[in-house]
PDB file of N, CA and C in Angstrom:
ATOM      1  N   THR A   1       6.625  15.471  11.388  1.00  0.00           N
ATOM      2  CA  THR A   1       6.029  14.514  10.473  1.00  0.00           C
ATOM      3  C   THR A   1       6.885  14.359   9.229  1.00  0.00           C
ATOM      4  N   PHE A   2       7.359  15.458   8.673  1.00  0.00           N
ATOM      5  CA  PHE A   2       8.183  15.365   7.466  1.00  0.00           C
ATOM      6  C   PHE A   2       9.518  14.696   7.763  1.00  0.00           C
ATOM      7  N   ASP A   3      10.106  14.978   8.935  1.00  0.00           N
ATOM      8  CA  ASP A   3      11.365  14.339   9.299  1.00  0.00           C
ATOM      9  C   ASP A   3      11.205  12.834   9.443  1.00  0.00           C
ATOM     10  N   LEU A   4      10.098  12.392  10.060  1.00  0.00           N
ATOM     11  CA  LEU A   4       9.858  10.963  10.210  1.00  0.00           C
ATOM     12  C   LEU A   4       9.723  10.307   8.838  1.00  0.00           C
ATOM     13  N   ASN A   5       8.963  10.913   7.944  1.00  0.00           N
ATOM     14  CA  ASN A   5       8.797  10.356   6.602  1.00  0.00           C
ATOM     15  C   ASN A   5      10.123  10.320   5.850  1.00  0.00           C
ATOM     16  N   ARG A   6      10.939  11.359   5.985  1.00  0.00           N
ATOM     17  CA  ARG A   6      12.248  11.374   5.340  1.00  0.00           C
ATOM     18  C   ARG A   6      13.106  10.221   5.857  1.00  0.00           C
ATOM     19  N   ASP A   7      13.099  10.013   7.179  1.00  0.00           N
ATOM     20  CA  ASP A   7      13.895   8.938   7.774  1.00  0.00           C
ATOM     21  C   ASP A   7      13.434   7.565   7.290  1.00  0.00           C
ATOM     22  N   ILE A   8      12.133   7.374   7.156  1.00  0.00           N
ATOM     23  CA  ILE A   8      11.610   6.091   6.664  1.00  0.00           C
ATOM     24  C   ILE A   8      12.076   5.847   5.236  1.00  0.00           C
ATOM     25  N   VAL A   9      11.975   6.855   4.393  1.00  0.00           N
ATOM     26  CA  VAL A   9      12.388   6.711   2.983  1.00  0.00           C
ATOM     27  C   VAL A   9      13.889   6.468   2.876  1.00  0.00           C
ATOM     28  N   MET A  10      14.673   7.201   3.629  1.00  0.00           N
ATOM     29  CA  MET A  10      16.130   7.082   3.525  1.00  0.00           C
ATOM     30  C   MET A  10      16.656   5.758   4.072  1.00  0.00           C
ATOM     31  N   SER A  11      15.924   5.126   4.973  1.00  0.00           N
ATOM     32  CA  SER A  11      16.406   3.883   5.567  1.00  0.00           C
ATOM     33  C   SER A  11      15.764   2.646   4.932  1.00  0.00           C
ATOM     34  N   ALA A  12      15.034   2.805   3.847  1.00  0.00           N
ATOM     35  CA  ALA A  12      14.344   1.682   3.220  1.00  0.00           C
ATOM     36  C   ALA A  12      15.354   0.753   2.556  1.00  0.00           C
ATOM     37  N   ALA A  13      15.658  -0.352   3.222  1.00  0.00           N
ATOM     38  CA  ALA A  13      16.624  -1.313   2.689  1.00  0.00           C
ATOM     39  C   ALA A  13      16.021  -2.701   2.580  1.00  0.00           C
ATOM     40  N   ASN A  14      14.977  -2.970   3.308  1.00  0.00           N
ATOM     41  CA  ASN A  14      14.394  -4.302   3.360  1.00  0.00           C
ATOM     42  C   ASN A  14      13.124  -4.366   2.523  1.00  0.00           C
ATOM     43  N   GLN A  15      13.312  -4.216   1.209  1.00  0.00           N
ATOM     44  CA  GLN A  15      12.156  -4.224   0.333  1.00  0.00           C
ATOM     45  C   GLN A  15      12.478  -4.918  -0.984  1.00  0.00           C
ATOM     46  N   GLN A  16      11.437  -5.405  -1.612  1.00  0.00           N
ATOM     47  CA  GLN A  16      11.538  -6.000  -2.939  1.00  0.00           C
ATOM     48  C   GLN A  16      10.573  -5.254  -3.840  1.00  0.00           C
ATOM     49  N   VAL A  17      10.999  -4.939  -5.055  1.00  0.00           N
ATOM     50  CA  VAL A  17      10.174  -4.189  -5.996  1.00  0.00           C
ATOM     51  C   VAL A  17       9.929  -5.046  -7.223  1.00  0.00           C
ATOM     52  N   GLN A  18       8.661  -5.146  -7.615  1.00  0.00           N
ATOM     53  CA  GLN A  18       8.280  -5.906  -8.812  1.00  0.00           C
ATOM     54  C   GLN A  18       7.460  -4.979  -9.704  1.00  0.00           C
ATOM     55  N   TRP A  19       7.816  -4.938 -10.970  1.00  0.00           N
ATOM     56  CA  TRP A  19       7.116  -4.085 -11.921  1.00  0.00           C
ATOM     57  C   TRP A  19       6.619  -4.971 -13.048  1.00  0.00           C
ATOM     58  N   ASP A  20       5.287  -5.051 -13.201  1.00  0.00           N
ATOM     59  CA  ASP A  20       4.709  -5.876 -14.254  1.00  0.00           C
ATOM     60  C   ASP A  20       3.397  -5.259 -14.718  1.00  0.00           C
ATOM     61  N   GLY A  21       2.575  -6.025 -15.380  1.00  0.00           N
ATOM     62  CA  GLY A  21       1.312  -5.539 -15.910  1.00  0.00           C
ATOM     63  C   GLY A  21       0.300  -5.125 -14.859  1.00  0.00           C
ATOM     64  N   THR A  22       0.510  -5.520 -13.599  1.00  0.00           N
ATOM     65  CA  THR A  22      -0.418  -5.140 -12.533  1.00  0.00           C
ATOM     66  C   THR A  22       0.005  -3.845 -11.848  1.00  0.00           C
ATOM     67  N   GLY A  23       1.157  -3.293 -12.219  1.00  0.00           N
ATOM     68  CA  GLY A  23       1.664  -2.066 -11.620  1.00  0.00           C
ATOM     69  C   GLY A  23       3.004  -2.312 -10.965  1.00  0.00           C
ATOM     70  N   ILE A  24       3.351  -1.443 -10.045  1.00  0.00           N
ATOM     71  CA  ILE A  24       4.587  -1.573  -9.278  1.00  0.00           C
ATOM     72  C   ILE A  24       4.201  -2.051  -7.884  1.00  0.00           C
ATOM     73  N   THR A  25       4.720  -3.213  -7.493  1.00  0.00           N
ATOM     74  CA  THR A  25       4.420  -3.770  -6.178  1.00  0.00           C
ATOM     75  C   THR A  25       5.686  -3.761  -5.343  1.00  0.00           C
ATOM     76  N   ILE A  26       5.574  -3.182  -4.147  1.00  0.00           N
ATOM     77  CA  ILE A  26       6.700  -3.130  -3.216  1.00  0.00           C
ATOM     78  C   ILE A  26       6.338  -3.985  -2.012  1.00  0.00           C
ATOM     79  N   SER A  27       7.215  -4.930  -1.683  1.00  0.00           N
ATOM     80  CA  SER A  27       6.984  -5.856  -0.570  1.00  0.00           C
ATOM     81  C   SER A  27       8.024  -5.641   0.508  1.00  0.00           C
ATOM     82  N   ASP A  28       7.605  -5.743   1.749  1.00  0.00           N
ATOM     83  CA  ASP A  28       8.491  -5.636   2.901  1.00  0.00           C
ATOM     84  C   ASP A  28       9.184  -6.987   3.093  1.00  0.00           C
ATOM     85  N   SER A  29      10.514  -7.013   2.964  1.00  0.00           N
ATOM     86  CA  SER A  29      11.260  -8.264   3.095  1.00  0.00           C
ATOM     87  C   SER A  29      11.203  -8.833   4.507  1.00  0.00           C
ATOM     88  N   LEU A  30      10.993  -7.989   5.509  1.00  0.00           N
ATOM     89  CA  LEU A  30      10.953  -8.448   6.891  1.00  0.00           C
ATOM     90  C   LEU A  30       9.554  -8.850   7.333  1.00  0.00           C
ATOM     91  N   ASN A  31       8.531  -8.408   6.599  1.00  0.00           N
ATOM     92  CA  ASN A  31       7.143  -8.758   6.908  1.00  0.00           C
ATOM     93  C   ASN A  31       6.419  -8.964   5.575  1.00  0.00           C
ATOM     94  N   ALA A  32       6.381 -10.197   5.103  1.00  0.00           N
ATOM     95  CA  ALA A  32       5.844 -10.504   3.777  1.00  0.00           C
ATOM     96  C   ALA A  32       4.382 -10.113   3.625  1.00  0.00           C
ATOM     97  N   GLY A  33       3.679  -9.879   4.714  1.00  0.00           N
ATOM     98  CA  GLY A  33       2.280  -9.485   4.633  1.00  0.00           C
ATOM     99  C   GLY A  33       2.091  -8.063   4.155  1.00  0.00           C
ATOM    100  N   ASN A  34       3.071  -7.205   4.366  1.00  0.00           N
ATOM    101  CA  ASN A  34       2.945  -5.796   4.001  1.00  0.00           C
ATOM    102  C   ASN A  34       3.358  -5.561   2.560  1.00  0.00           C
ATOM    103  N   LYS A  35       2.397  -5.096   1.756  1.00  0.00           N
ATOM    104  CA  LYS A  35       2.652  -4.799   0.351  1.00  0.00           C
ATOM    105  C   LYS A  35       1.988  -3.491  -0.020  1.00  0.00           C
ATOM    106  N   LEU A  36       2.571  -2.827  -1.000  1.00  0.00           N
ATOM    107  CA  LEU A  36       2.029  -1.604  -1.552  1.00  0.00           C
ATOM    108  C   LEU A  36       2.030  -1.758  -3.070  1.00  0.00           C
ATOM    109  N   ARG A  37       0.931  -1.380  -3.727  1.00  0.00           N
ATOM    110  CA  ARG A  37       0.874  -1.482  -5.191  1.00  0.00           C
ATOM    111  C   ARG A  37       0.456  -0.134  -5.760  1.00  0.00           C
ATOM    112  N   LEU A  38       1.237   0.328  -6.715  1.00  0.00           N
ATOM    113  CA  LEU A  38       0.968   1.583  -7.406  1.00  0.00           C
ATOM    114  C   LEU A  38       0.573   1.261  -8.835  1.00  0.00           C
ATOM    115  N   MET A  39      -0.568   1.788  -9.263  1.00  0.00           N
ATOM    116  CA  MET A  39      -1.041   1.596 -10.632  1.00  0.00           C
ATOM    117  C   MET A  39      -1.822   2.826 -11.050  1.00  0.00           C
ATOM    118  N   SER A  40      -2.260   2.859 -12.284  1.00  0.00           N
ATOM    119  CA  SER A  40      -2.965   4.050 -12.765  1.00  0.00           C
ATOM    120  C   SER A  40      -4.248   4.314 -11.992  1.00  0.00           C
ATOM    121  N   GLY A  41      -4.849   3.291 -11.401  1.00  0.00           N
ATOM    122  CA  GLY A  41      -6.081   3.456 -10.634  1.00  0.00           C
ATOM    123  C   GLY A  41      -5.860   3.972  -9.227  1.00  0.00           C
ATOM    124  N   GLY A  42      -4.608   4.038  -8.772  1.00  0.00           N
ATOM    125  CA  GLY A  42      -4.336   4.560  -7.442  1.00  0.00           C
ATOM    126  C   GLY A  42      -3.235   3.797  -6.734  1.00  0.00           C
ATOM    127  N   LEU A  43      -3.173   4.007  -5.437  1.00  0.00           N
ATOM    128  CA  LEU A  43      -2.205   3.371  -4.553  1.00  0.00           C
ATOM    129  C   LEU A  43      -2.978   2.463  -3.610  1.00  0.00           C
ATOM    130  N   PHE A  44      -2.617   1.194  -3.575  1.00  0.00           N
ATOM    131  CA  PHE A  44      -3.333   0.203  -2.777  1.00  0.00           C
ATOM    132  C   PHE A  44      -2.379  -0.421  -1.773  1.00  0.00           C
ATOM    133  N   ILE A  45      -2.902  -0.828  -0.611  1.00  0.00           N
ATOM    134  CA  ILE A  45      -2.084  -1.434   0.432  1.00  0.00           C
ATOM    135  C   ILE A  45      -2.693  -2.764   0.858  1.00  0.00           C
ATOM    136  N   SER A  46      -1.818  -3.661   1.294  1.00  0.00           N
ATOM    137  CA  SER A  46      -2.253  -4.969   1.771  1.00  0.00           C
ATOM    138  C   SER A  46      -1.432  -5.336   2.992  1.00  0.00           C
ATOM    139  N   ASN A  47      -2.069  -5.963   3.963  1.00  0.00           N
ATOM    140  CA  ASN A  47      -1.322  -6.472   5.115  1.00  0.00           C
ATOM    141  C   ASN A  47      -1.459  -7.985   5.244  1.00  0.00           C
ATOM    142  N   ASP A  48      -1.995  -8.623   4.178  1.00  0.00           N
ATOM    143  CA  ASP A  48      -2.136 -10.083   4.178  1.00  0.00           C
ATOM    144  C   ASP A  48      -1.437 -10.717   2.972  1.00  0.00           C
ATOM    145  N   GLY A  49      -0.361 -10.093   2.534  1.00  0.00           N
ATOM    146  CA  GLY A  49       0.431 -10.651   1.450  1.00  0.00           C
ATOM    147  C   GLY A  49      -0.165 -10.462   0.075  1.00  0.00           C
ATOM    148  N   GLY A  50      -1.159  -9.614  -0.068  1.00  0.00           N
ATOM    149  CA  GLY A  50      -1.766  -9.352  -1.368  1.00  0.00           C
ATOM    150  C   GLY A  50      -3.030 -10.137  -1.632  1.00  0.00           C
ATOM    151  N   VAL A  51      -3.527 -10.848  -0.638  1.00  0.00           N
ATOM    152  CA  VAL A  51      -4.794 -11.564  -0.806  1.00  0.00           C
ATOM    153  C   VAL A  51      -5.926 -10.550  -0.968  1.00  0.00           C
ATOM    154  N   THR A  52      -5.927  -9.528  -0.114  1.00  0.00           N
ATOM    155  CA  THR A  52      -6.897  -8.443  -0.240  1.00  0.00           C
ATOM    156  C   THR A  52      -6.144  -7.122  -0.279  1.00  0.00           C
ATOM    157  N   TRP A  53      -6.741  -6.148  -0.945  1.00  0.00           N
ATOM    158  CA  TRP A  53      -6.134  -4.831  -1.107  1.00  0.00           C
ATOM    159  C   TRP A  53      -7.116  -3.759  -0.671  1.00  0.00           C
ATOM    160  N   LYS A  54      -6.605  -2.714  -0.012  1.00  0.00           N
ATOM    161  CA  LYS A  54      -7.409  -1.557   0.359  1.00  0.00           C
ATOM    162  C   LYS A  54      -6.919  -0.361  -0.443  1.00  0.00           C
ATOM    163  N   ASN A  55      -7.866   0.416  -0.972  1.00  0.00           N
ATOM    164  CA  ASN A  55      -7.506   1.623  -1.696  1.00  0.00           C
ATOM    165  C   ASN A  55      -7.027   2.668  -0.701  1.00  0.00           C
ATOM    166  N   ALA A  56      -5.849   3.230  -0.920  1.00  0.00           N
ATOM    167  CA  ALA A  56      -5.316   4.262  -0.043  1.00  0.00           C
ATOM    168  C   ALA A  56      -5.428   5.644  -0.683  1.00  0.00           C
ATOM    169  N   VAL A  57      -5.069   5.735  -1.961  1.00  0.00           N
ATOM    170  CA  VAL A  57      -5.087   7.025  -2.660  1.00  0.00           C
ATOM    171  C   VAL A  57      -5.554   6.796  -4.086  1.00  0.00           C
ATOM    172  N   ARG A  58      -6.460   7.663  -4.544  1.00  0.00           N
ATOM    173  CA  ARG A  58      -6.884   7.677  -5.946  1.00  0.00           C
ATOM    174  C   ARG A  58      -6.748   9.101  -6.450  1.00  0.00           C
ATOM    175  N   GLY A  59      -7.033   9.299  -7.704  1.00  0.00           N
ATOM    176  CA  GLY A  59      -6.941  10.635  -8.276  1.00  0.00           C
ATOM    177  C   GLY A  59      -7.885  11.632  -7.629  1.00  0.00           C
ATOM    178  N   ASP A  60      -8.961  11.136  -7.024  1.00  0.00           N
ATOM    179  CA  ASP A  60      -9.934  12.046  -6.437  1.00  0.00           C
ATOM    180  C   ASP A  60      -9.786  12.201  -4.924  1.00  0.00           C
ATOM    181  N   GLY A  61      -8.757  11.597  -4.309  1.00  0.00           N
ATOM    182  CA  GLY A  61      -8.549  11.818  -2.884  1.00  0.00           C
ATOM    183  C   GLY A  61      -7.904  10.657  -2.163  1.00  0.00           C
ATOM    184  N   ILE A  62      -7.786  10.832  -0.850  1.00  0.00           N
ATOM    185  CA  ILE A  62      -7.184   9.851   0.043  1.00  0.00           C
ATOM    186  C   ILE A  62      -8.301   9.166   0.820  1.00  0.00           C
ATOM    187  N   SER A  63      -8.226   7.862   0.933  1.00  0.00           N
ATOM    188  CA  SER A  63      -9.237   7.105   1.666  1.00  0.00           C
ATOM    189  C   SER A  63      -9.045   7.269   3.165  1.00  0.00           C
ATOM    190  N   ALA A  64     -10.057   7.787   3.845  1.00  0.00           N
ATOM    191  CA  ALA A  64      -9.987   7.943   5.299  1.00  0.00           C
ATOM    192  C   ALA A  64     -10.040   6.592   6.007  1.00  0.00           C
ATOM    193  N   ASP A  65     -10.471   5.543   5.323  1.00  0.00           N
ATOM    194  CA  ASP A  65     -10.543   4.215   5.930  1.00  0.00           C
ATOM    195  C   ASP A  65      -9.179   3.668   6.313  1.00  0.00           C
ATOM    196  N   VAL A  66      -8.124   4.132   5.655  1.00  0.00           N
ATOM    197  CA  VAL A  66      -6.798   3.585   5.922  1.00  0.00           C
ATOM    198  C   VAL A  66      -5.890   4.537   6.695  1.00  0.00           C
ATOM    199  N   LEU A  67      -6.396   5.691   7.090  1.00  0.00           N
ATOM    200  CA  LEU A  67      -5.599   6.631   7.878  1.00  0.00           C
ATOM    201  C   LEU A  67      -5.432   6.106   9.298  1.00  0.00           C
ATOM    202  N   THR A  68      -4.258   6.355   9.853  1.00  0.00           N
ATOM    203  CA  THR A  68      -4.023   6.023  11.253  1.00  0.00           C
ATOM    204  C   THR A  68      -3.822   7.317  12.009  1.00  0.00           C
ATOM    205  N   ALA A  69      -4.418   7.420  13.171  1.00  0.00           N
ATOM    206  CA  ALA A  69      -4.329   8.639  13.967  1.00  0.00           C
ATOM    207  C   ALA A  69      -2.949   8.792  14.572  1.00  0.00           C
ATOM    208  N   GLY A  70      -2.575  10.029  14.831  1.00  0.00           N
ATOM    209  CA  GLY A  70      -1.312  10.297  15.489  1.00  0.00           C
ATOM    210  C   GLY A  70      -0.343  11.086  14.642  1.00  0.00           C
ATOM    211  N   ARG A  71      -0.497  11.104  13.360  1.00  0.00           N
ATOM    212  CA  ARG A  71       0.447  11.822  12.501  1.00  0.00           C
ATOM    213  C   ARG A  71      -0.283  12.651  11.444  1.00  0.00           C
ATOM    214  N   ILE A  72      -1.419  13.208  11.772  1.00  0.00           N
ATOM    215  CA  ILE A  72      -2.166  14.028  10.821  1.00  0.00           C
ATOM    216  C   ILE A  72      -1.924  15.482  11.168  1.00  0.00           C
ATOM    217  N   ASN A  73      -1.371  16.215  10.208  1.00  0.00           N
ATOM    218  CA  ASN A  73      -1.094  17.632  10.390  1.00  0.00           C
ATOM    219  C   ASN A  73      -2.000  18.402   9.441  1.00  0.00           C
ATOM    220  N   THR A  74      -2.914  19.181   9.962  1.00  0.00           N
ATOM    221  CA  THR A  74      -3.876  19.891   9.122  1.00  0.00           C
ATOM    222  C   THR A  74      -3.439  21.303   8.776  1.00  0.00           C
ATOM    223  N   SER A  75      -2.269  21.706   9.209  1.00  0.00           N
ATOM    224  CA  SER A  75      -1.798  23.050   8.850  1.00  0.00           C
ATOM    225  C   SER A  75      -0.858  22.940   7.667  1.00  0.00           C
TER     226      SER A  75
END
């Protein structure tokens, strides 16, 4: 799991980063629907270009609504 995450981070070349009053928004250049926004209220994700946002992480925990099965390591 850690190796896969390292590979994803190291190969991130197709992205656009915008930093403004709404936080830091990272957009996938190859799939405009995929966006991630980081702000003081948490980490939010969108798969419709930012029309709607789902909370992924806040100060009090990770939202189980956005977890995908297959890469959860509980040890």
